[in-house]
Protein backbone atom coordinates (compact mmCIF):
# COMPACT_ATOMS: atom_id res chain seq x y z
CA MET A 1 -7.65 -4.24 -3.36
CA GLY A 2 -11.28 -3.22 -3.62
CA GLU A 3 -13.54 -2.05 -6.39
CA GLY A 4 -15.16 1.38 -6.36
CA ALA A 5 -18.71 2.25 -7.38
CA ASP A 6 -17.38 3.17 -10.82
CA GLY A 7 -15.96 -0.34 -11.29
CA ARG A 8 -12.33 0.80 -11.02
CA HIS A 9 -9.96 -1.10 -8.76
CA ARG A 10 -8.71 0.76 -5.71
CA PRO A 11 -6.09 0.00 -3.06
CA LEU A 12 -7.53 -0.95 0.33
CA LEU A 13 -7.19 2.24 2.38
CA HIS A 14 -7.81 3.34 5.92
CA PRO A 15 -8.73 7.03 6.05
CA PRO A 16 -7.44 8.93 9.04
CA PRO A 17 -9.84 8.83 12.00
CA ARG A 18 -9.29 12.28 13.57
CA ARG A 19 -5.60 12.20 12.79
CA THR A 20 -3.51 13.18 9.84
CA VAL A 21 -1.95 9.79 8.99
CA GLY A 22 -3.76 7.55 6.50
CA GLU A 23 -2.76 3.95 5.86
CA VAL A 24 -2.44 1.97 2.66
CA GLU A 25 -3.32 -1.42 4.08
CA GLU A 26 -3.05 -3.48 0.94
CA LEU A 27 -1.90 -2.89 -2.59
CA SER A 28 -1.60 -6.12 -4.52
CA VAL A 29 -1.53 -7.13 -8.15
CA ARG A 30 -2.27 -10.63 -9.43
CA ALA A 31 0.85 -12.61 -10.27
CA ASP A 32 0.03 -12.73 -13.99
CA ARG A 33 -0.36 -8.92 -14.09
CA ARG A 34 2.80 -7.90 -12.23
CA ARG A 35 5.51 -5.76 -13.82
CA LEU A 36 2.94 -3.98 -16.03
CA GLY A 37 2.83 -0.74 -14.02
CA LEU A 38 -0.54 -1.41 -12.36
CA GLY A 39 0.76 -0.80 -8.83
CA ARG A 40 2.47 2.39 -10.01
CA THR A 41 -0.92 3.52 -11.37
CA LEU A 42 -2.99 2.47 -8.34
CA LEU A 43 -0.76 3.90 -5.60
CA PRO A 44 -1.08 7.60 -6.55
CA ASP A 45 -4.85 7.18 -6.89
CA GLY A 46 -5.03 5.76 -3.37
CA LEU A 47 -2.77 8.49 -1.96
CA ARG A 48 -4.94 11.14 -3.58
CA SER A 49 -7.99 9.57 -1.93
CA LEU A 50 -6.31 9.64 1.50
CA ARG A 51 -5.35 13.30 1.00
CA GLU A 52 -8.95 14.16 0.05
CA GLN A 53 -10.06 12.51 3.31
CA GLY A 54 -7.75 14.69 5.39
CA ALA A 55 -4.50 12.74 5.59
CA ALA A 56 -1.31 14.78 5.56
CA THR A 57 0.90 11.68 5.68
CA ALA A 58 0.49 8.11 4.41
CA GLN A 59 2.01 5.00 5.89
CA LEU A 60 2.19 1.38 4.80
CA TYR A 61 3.90 -1.81 5.83
CA THR A 62 5.78 -4.33 3.71
CA GLY A 63 8.58 -6.77 4.27
CA THR A 64 12.07 -5.89 3.07
CA ALA A 65 12.46 -9.47 1.83
CA ASN A 66 9.36 -9.12 -0.34
CA PRO A 67 10.04 -11.26 -3.44
CA HIS A 68 7.88 -8.97 -5.60
CA ARG A 69 10.03 -5.89 -4.88
CA SER A 70 7.11 -3.72 -3.82
CA TYR A 71 9.48 -1.74 -1.59
CA ASN A 72 11.13 -0.41 -4.77
CA LEU A 73 7.74 0.95 -5.87
CA TYR A 74 7.03 2.56 -2.50
CA GLU A 75 10.46 4.19 -2.25
CA SER A 76 10.21 5.49 -5.84
CA ALA A 77 6.85 7.06 -4.86
CA GLY A 78 8.53 8.99 -2.03
CA PHE A 79 8.00 6.65 0.93
CA ARG A 80 10.98 6.29 3.25
CA ARG A 81 11.71 3.37 5.56
CA GLN A 82 11.07 4.17 9.18
CA ASN A 83 11.60 0.81 10.88
CA GLU A 84 12.23 -2.79 10.00
CA TYR A 85 10.34 -5.51 11.82
CA VAL A 86 11.04 -9.20 12.25
CA ARG A 87 8.10 -11.59 12.20
CA TYR A 88 8.37 -14.99 13.83
CA ARG A 89 6.25 -18.02 13.01
CA LYS A 90 6.04 -21.42 14.72
CA PRO A 91 3.93 -24.37 13.60
CA LEU A 92 1.68 -25.56 16.41
CA ALA A 93 1.01 -29.02 15.04
């Protein structure tokens, strides 16, 4: 999340470079501020910004096993799951 010139917090966004799909790269709320509706307030502001920059569609990525239930927020805002990805990790030490 970034901070705008007016001091307001904004989601980290990627405006569409010559295409109509914008990306919400990161929308996070500090642990002690979760479940207060901050994400629900920030997301529409970010989507409005993408639309003003020419995006016709917005996309974002999150894990379905997200312990903070952000997928519930995204789906309630009209996002629909397109794919589910599996991420693998292996310690190298």
